[in-house]
Protein backbone atom coordinates (compact mmCIF):
# COMPACT_ATOMS: atom_id res chain seq x y z
CA MET A 1 -14.79 6.38 -26.05
CA THR A 2 -15.74 9.70 -24.47
CA ARG A 3 -12.99 12.24 -24.95
CA ALA A 4 -12.21 14.85 -22.36
CA VAL A 5 -12.83 18.54 -22.78
CA CYS A 6 -10.29 20.50 -24.90
CA GLY A 7 -8.69 17.25 -26.08
CA ARG A 8 -7.32 16.36 -22.65
CA ARG A 9 -7.10 12.67 -21.92
CA ARG A 10 -9.31 11.22 -19.21
CA ILE A 11 -7.85 9.25 -16.31
CA ALA A 12 -9.94 7.01 -14.07
CA MET A 13 -8.53 6.28 -10.62
CA ILE A 14 -9.80 2.96 -9.26
CA GLY A 15 -9.29 2.98 -5.49
CA LEU A 16 -9.20 6.23 -3.55
CA GLY A 17 -7.18 5.26 -0.50
CA GLU A 18 -3.93 7.00 0.38
CA ALA A 19 -2.11 6.30 -2.90
CA GLY A 20 -5.10 6.70 -5.19
CA GLY A 21 -6.11 9.95 -3.52
CA VAL A 22 -2.61 11.42 -3.74
CA PHE A 23 -2.20 10.53 -7.42
CA ALA A 24 -5.67 11.78 -8.32
CA GLN A 25 -4.97 15.07 -6.58
CA GLY A 26 -1.62 15.50 -8.30
CA LEU A 27 -2.94 14.63 -11.74
CA ILE A 28 -5.89 17.00 -11.53
CA ALA A 29 -3.59 19.75 -10.22
CA SER A 30 -1.38 19.36 -13.30
CA ASP A 31 -4.30 20.57 -15.44
CA LEU A 32 -3.23 18.15 -18.18
CA PHE A 33 -5.96 15.56 -17.67
CA GLU A 34 -9.56 15.12 -16.76
CA VAL A 35 -9.64 12.86 -13.71
CA ALA A 36 -12.46 10.72 -12.38
CA GLY A 37 -12.53 8.30 -9.47
CA TYR A 38 -14.26 5.13 -8.37
CA ASP A 39 -13.95 3.13 -5.16
CA ALA A 40 -15.80 -0.04 -4.24
CA LEU A 41 -16.64 1.63 -0.91
CA LEU A 42 -19.06 3.87 -2.84
CA GLU A 43 -21.35 0.84 -2.90
CA ASP A 44 -21.33 0.57 0.90
CA PRO A 45 -23.93 2.96 2.41
CA ALA A 46 -21.84 3.32 5.58
CA SER A 47 -18.63 4.21 3.75
CA ALA A 48 -19.93 6.07 0.70
CA PRO A 49 -20.36 9.51 2.32
CA ALA A 50 -16.69 9.68 3.36
CA VAL A 51 -15.53 8.59 -0.10
CA ARG A 52 -17.77 11.17 -1.79
CA ALA A 53 -16.43 13.85 0.53
CA LYS A 54 -12.89 12.90 -0.49
CA ILE A 55 -13.83 13.01 -4.17
CA ARG A 56 -15.25 16.51 -3.72
CA SER A 57 -12.19 17.70 -1.79
CA ILE A 58 -9.85 16.44 -4.52
CA GLY A 59 -12.00 18.01 -7.22
CA ILE A 60 -12.47 15.01 -9.50
CA ALA A 61 -15.56 13.50 -11.07
CA GLU A 62 -17.27 10.53 -9.46
CA CYS A 63 -17.81 7.32 -11.44
CA SER A 64 -20.91 5.35 -10.57
CA SER A 65 -19.30 1.96 -11.20
CA LEU A 66 -16.12 0.22 -12.32
CA GLU A 67 -17.69 -0.18 -15.76
CA HIS A 68 -18.41 3.55 -15.97
CA ALA A 69 -14.84 4.34 -14.92
CA CYS A 70 -13.24 2.00 -17.45
CA ARG A 71 -15.41 2.71 -20.47
CA GLU A 72 -14.93 6.49 -20.38
CA ALA A 73 -11.20 6.60 -19.61
CA ASP A 74 -8.13 6.70 -21.81
CA LEU A 75 -6.01 5.53 -18.88
CA VAL A 76 -7.16 3.49 -15.88
CA PHE A 77 -5.10 3.51 -12.68
CA SER A 78 -5.62 0.51 -10.40
CA ALA A 79 -4.75 1.53 -6.83
CA VAL A 80 -6.72 -0.96 -4.78
CA THR A 81 -5.83 -3.38 -2.00
CA ALA A 82 -3.48 -6.27 -2.67
CA ALA A 83 -6.31 -8.73 -2.11
CA ALA A 84 -8.52 -7.03 -4.72
CA ALA A 85 -5.90 -6.36 -7.41
CA ARG A 86 -6.41 -9.49 -9.54
CA GLU A 87 -10.21 -9.36 -9.30
CA VAL A 88 -10.31 -5.71 -10.36
CA ALA A 89 -8.15 -6.48 -13.40
CA GLU A 90 -10.41 -9.41 -14.33
CA GLN A 91 -13.53 -7.26 -14.04
CA ALA A 92 -12.00 -4.31 -15.85
CA SER A 93 -11.00 -6.51 -18.78
CA GLY A 94 -14.69 -6.84 -19.64
CA TYR A 95 -15.04 -3.09 -20.09
CA LEU A 96 -11.79 -2.06 -21.76
CA ARG A 97 -10.91 -1.86 -25.45
CA PRO A 98 -7.83 -1.44 -27.66
CA GLY A 99 -6.06 1.88 -27.27
CA GLN A 100 -6.63 2.17 -23.52
CA PHE A 101 -3.98 1.81 -20.81
CA PHE A 102 -4.43 -0.11 -17.56
CA PHE A 103 -1.76 1.02 -15.07
CA ASP A 104 -1.52 -1.42 -12.14
CA ILE A 105 0.33 0.18 -9.20
CA ASN A 106 -0.78 -2.37 -6.60
CA SER A 107 1.72 -4.01 -4.26
CA VAL A 108 1.37 -7.63 -5.33
CA SER A 109 3.59 -10.52 -6.39
CA PRO A 110 4.95 -10.88 -9.93
CA SER A 111 2.60 -13.82 -10.56
CA VAL A 112 -0.44 -11.67 -9.73
CA LYS A 113 0.84 -8.94 -12.05
CA ARG A 114 1.33 -11.44 -14.87
CA SER A 115 -2.13 -12.92 -14.32
CA SER A 116 -3.66 -9.43 -14.30
CA ALA A 117 -1.77 -8.54 -17.49
CA GLN A 118 -3.16 -11.60 -19.26
CA ALA A 119 -6.70 -10.60 -18.28
CA ILE A 120 -6.31 -7.00 -19.44
CA GLU A 121 -4.62 -7.93 -22.70
CA ARG A 122 -7.56 -10.15 -23.65
CA SER A 123 -9.51 -6.91 -24.05
CA GLY A 124 -6.91 -5.43 -26.38
CA ALA A 125 -5.98 -2.72 -23.86
CA SER A 126 -2.35 -2.27 -22.81
CA TYR A 127 -1.24 -3.37 -19.35
CA VAL A 128 1.64 -1.58 -17.59
CA GLU A 129 2.81 -2.60 -14.14
CA GLY A 130 3.99 -0.04 -11.63
CA ALA A 131 5.88 -0.49 -8.39
CA VAL A 132 5.68 2.43 -5.97
CA MET A 133 9.04 2.49 -4.23
CA ALA A 134 8.40 4.82 -1.27
CA PRO A 135 5.52 6.16 0.84
CA VAL A 136 3.38 8.46 -1.30
CA GLY A 137 2.52 10.83 1.54
CA PRO A 138 5.84 12.71 1.77
CA SER A 139 6.58 12.77 -1.99
CA GLY A 140 3.12 13.02 -3.50
CA ILE A 141 2.90 12.53 -7.23
CA THR A 142 6.69 12.70 -7.58
CA VAL A 143 7.25 9.43 -5.69
CA GLU A 144 9.52 6.99 -7.53
CA ILE A 145 7.62 4.37 -9.54
CA LEU A 146 9.26 1.59 -11.51
CA VAL A 147 7.27 0.60 -14.61
CA ALA A 148 7.41 -2.38 -16.94
CA GLY A 149 5.50 -3.57 -19.96
CA ALA A 150 5.53 -3.40 -23.73
CA ARG A 151 4.10 0.14 -23.74
CA ALA A 152 5.63 1.33 -20.47
CA GLY A 153 7.69 3.96 -22.29
CA GLU A 154 4.59 5.44 -23.91
CA LEU A 155 2.83 5.60 -20.56
CA ALA A 156 5.84 7.28 -18.95
CA ALA A 157 5.92 9.88 -21.73
CA LEU A 158 2.23 10.55 -21.15
CA LEU A 159 2.43 10.99 -17.36
CA THR A 160 5.85 12.54 -16.82
CA PRO A 161 4.70 16.05 -17.88
CA ALA A 162 2.17 15.90 -15.03
CA GLY A 163 5.03 15.52 -12.55
CA MET A 164 5.08 11.75 -12.15
CA ASN A 165 8.47 10.07 -11.65
CA LEU A 166 8.34 6.89 -13.74
CA GLU A 167 11.42 4.79 -14.51
CA VAL A 168 11.01 2.23 -17.28
CA ILE A 169 12.99 -0.87 -16.31
CA ALA A 170 11.74 -3.70 -18.52
CA ASP A 171 9.35 -4.85 -21.22
CA THR A 172 8.61 -7.97 -19.18
CA ILE A 173 5.76 -7.89 -16.65
CA GLY A 174 6.86 -8.94 -13.17
CA LYS A 175 10.28 -7.33 -13.00
CA ALA A 176 9.11 -4.12 -11.29
CA SER A 177 6.96 -5.98 -8.77
CA ALA A 178 9.84 -8.37 -7.96
CA ILE A 179 11.99 -5.37 -7.02
CA LYS A 180 9.16 -3.91 -4.96
CA MET A 181 8.46 -7.17 -3.14
CA CYS A 182 12.11 -7.75 -2.23
CA ARG A 183 12.36 -4.21 -0.93
CA SER A 184 9.12 -4.60 1.03
CA SER A 185 10.49 -7.75 2.64
CA MET A 186 13.21 -5.60 4.16
CA ILE A 187 11.30 -2.39 4.94
CA LYS A 188 8.08 -3.90 6.28
CA GLY A 189 10.09 -6.59 8.06
CA ILE A 190 12.20 -3.98 9.85
CA GLU A 191 9.02 -2.16 10.84
CA ALA A 192 7.65 -5.33 12.41
CA LEU A 193 10.95 -6.00 14.17
CA VAL A 194 11.05 -2.44 15.52
CA VAL A 195 7.50 -2.72 16.87
CA GLU A 196 8.16 -6.05 18.57
CA CYS A 197 11.48 -4.88 20.01
CA PHE A 198 10.25 -1.57 21.42
CA VAL A 199 6.90 -2.81 22.71
CA THR A 200 8.77 -5.54 24.60
CA ALA A 201 11.40 -3.08 25.84
CA ARG A 202 8.68 -0.73 27.11
CA ALA A 203 6.98 -3.60 28.93
CA TYR A 204 10.26 -4.16 30.81
CA GLY A 205 10.93 -0.44 31.26
CA ILE A 206 14.24 -0.61 29.35
CA GLU A 207 13.39 1.32 26.17
CA ASP A 208 16.00 4.04 26.85
CA ALA A 209 18.75 1.45 27.25
CA ILE A 210 17.69 -0.22 23.99
CA VAL A 211 17.71 3.10 22.12
CA ASP A 212 21.18 3.94 23.48
CA SER A 213 22.52 0.53 22.51
CA LEU A 214 21.09 0.70 18.98
CA ASN A 215 22.43 4.23 18.49
CA ARG A 216 25.92 2.98 19.35
CA SER A 217 25.58 -0.06 17.07
CA PHE A 218 24.26 1.99 14.13
CA PRO A 219 25.98 5.40 14.27
CA GLY A 220 24.09 8.13 12.46
CA THR A 221 20.63 6.74 13.15
CA ASP A 222 18.43 8.18 15.90
CA TRP A 223 16.59 5.02 16.87
CA GLN A 224 13.99 6.79 18.98
CA MET A 225 12.97 8.92 16.00
CA ARG A 226 13.27 6.00 13.59
CA GLY A 227 11.32 3.71 15.89
CA ALA A 228 8.60 6.30 16.43
CA TYR A 229 8.24 6.91 12.69
CA MET A 230 8.15 3.23 11.76
CA THR A 231 5.65 2.48 14.50
CA SER A 232 3.42 5.30 13.25
CA ARG A 233 3.46 3.84 9.73
CA VAL A 234 2.33 0.47 11.08
CA LEU A 235 -0.40 2.15 13.14
CA GLN A 236 -1.74 3.82 10.00
CA HIS A 237 -1.34 1.00 7.50
CA GLY A 238 -0.74 -2.23 9.40
CA ARG A 239 -3.52 -4.21 7.74
CA ARG A 240 -2.45 -3.17 4.27
CA ARG A 241 1.20 -3.88 5.06
CA ALA A 242 0.29 -7.34 6.33
CA ALA A 243 -1.44 -8.09 3.03
CA GLU A 244 1.60 -6.84 1.14
CA LEU A 245 3.90 -9.05 3.20
CA ARG A 246 1.80 -12.06 2.25
CA GLU A 247 2.39 -11.09 -1.37
CA VAL A 248 6.08 -10.93 -0.46
CA ALA A 249 5.84 -14.47 0.90
CA THR A 250 4.32 -15.61 -2.39
CA THR A 251 7.13 -13.91 -4.27
CA VAL A 252 9.75 -15.61 -2.09
CA ALA A 253 8.12 -19.01 -2.56
CA GLU A 254 7.95 -18.55 -6.33
CA ALA A 255 11.72 -18.00 -6.28
CA GLY A 256 12.15 -21.44 -4.71
CA VAL A 257 12.92 -20.10 -1.23
CA VAL A 258 10.88 -21.02 1.84
CA PRO A 259 9.29 -17.80 3.16
CA ARG A 260 9.88 -17.53 6.90
CA MET A 261 10.38 -13.86 7.76
CA ALA A 262 7.60 -12.33 5.66
CA PRO A 263 4.76 -14.38 7.21
CA ALA A 264 6.05 -13.59 10.71
CA ALA A 265 6.29 -9.88 9.93
CA ALA A 266 2.75 -9.98 8.51
CA GLU A 267 1.53 -11.37 11.85
CA VAL A 268 3.09 -8.43 13.71
CA GLN A 269 1.56 -5.92 11.29
CA ASP A 270 -1.84 -7.56 11.70
CA TRP A 271 -1.41 -7.59 15.48
CA VAL A 272 -0.89 -3.82 15.48
CA ALA A 273 -3.93 -3.36 13.23
CA ASP A 274 -5.96 -5.39 15.73
CA ARG A 275 -4.75 -3.18 18.58
CA VAL A 276 -5.73 -0.06 16.63
CA ALA A 277 -9.21 -1.52 16.12
CA GLU A 278 -9.45 -2.19 19.85
CA LYS A 279 -8.08 1.22 20.84
CA PRO A 280 -9.23 3.90 18.36
CA GLU A 281 -7.15 6.53 20.16
CA LEU A 282 -4.13 4.99 18.44
CA ARG A 283 -5.43 6.32 15.11
CA SER A 284 -4.84 9.92 16.13
CA ALA A 285 -1.75 9.38 18.28
CA ASN A 286 1.17 11.71 17.61
CA HIS A 287 4.14 9.55 16.62
CA ARG A 288 6.41 11.82 18.68
CA ASP A 289 4.52 10.71 21.80
CA TRP A 290 6.40 7.46 21.48
CA ARG A 291 6.09 6.04 24.98
CA ALA A 292 2.35 6.66 25.15
CA ILE A 293 1.90 4.72 21.92
CA LEU A 294 4.01 1.85 23.23
CA ASP A 295 1.97 1.82 26.43
CA LEU A 296 -1.23 1.46 24.38
CA LEU A 297 0.30 -1.37 22.38
CA VAL A 298 1.68 -3.30 25.35
CA THR A 299 -0.51 -6.26 26.21
CA PRO A 300 -1.01 -6.40 29.98
CA LYS A 301 0.55 -9.42 31.60
CA PRO A 302 -2.04 -11.90 32.88
CA VAL A 303 -2.56 -11.85 36.62
CA ARG A 304 -1.65 -15.19 38.17
CA THR A 305 -4.55 -16.40 40.29
CA SER A 306 -3.12 -19.66 41.56
CA SER A 307 0.14 -20.92 42.91
CA PRO A 308 2.66 -22.07 40.30
CA MET A 309 3.49 -25.05 42.51
CA ALA A 310 2.34 -28.33 41.08
CA THR A 311 -0.23 -30.10 43.18
CA THR A 312 0.74 -33.49 44.50
CA ARG A 313 -1.40 -36.47 43.80
CA ARG A 314 -2.90 -37.85 46.93
């Protein structure tokens, strides 16, 4: 294994989206580790330039492949999409060796975490699951992360000096992700409910009355500000949230409960992502310009071109 300069351990960040980018930036800023990054988008000629620009702006080394990232790291972070989490673990298991850590911070169901752990442990490396419990943007590297696994305590001791906030909750894989999934059911579900409620209210021109009513029902919460913030989060990450909610549905089903709310909330999150794709101006919309955003999200009512009266059979 290649050791970092001056005895510093080397971390490879797999996935350089919002979470991966934030953690990579915080870890390199701590000056305790060498940090490198790899993203599957580097293999897409259309996407690679933007990813390379991000790598340069963070100040980390670029890995040419997943194999390169895994073989030269002491610790591998997996911060990919929910859909790719299991596959990345399976692929990484072919490149890892005893003594390495694989830290899986993806938002997936307990069963996916357990399956990923089995794959990693075949290599002799140590698997630790992580559940990121809040948006990483506002908190950065200090965001709360629940961790579980046989060597979770060792990993926490390694990363805490860099400023990470890791709480060891169990030796058993799946416990942290179960907490995360149950929480996501509530948070992402409320986001979807807020979007559906306020888009509908705006279509009827009654959004102020709805805000006033909610403020009276839930004293202490400014529902215009809360609604604007939640809507902005869905605008930015609707597709990813929809995928996470499908992992929530899997988690619910594995508990013996029929998932009803999570699939419906995922549909709303996907619907917003579709609207953003159709109307790119939503990507840069200021969340404080709440009504303008709702107007862009409202689906125009179809124009009736014929009489609603039933025709009589002659």
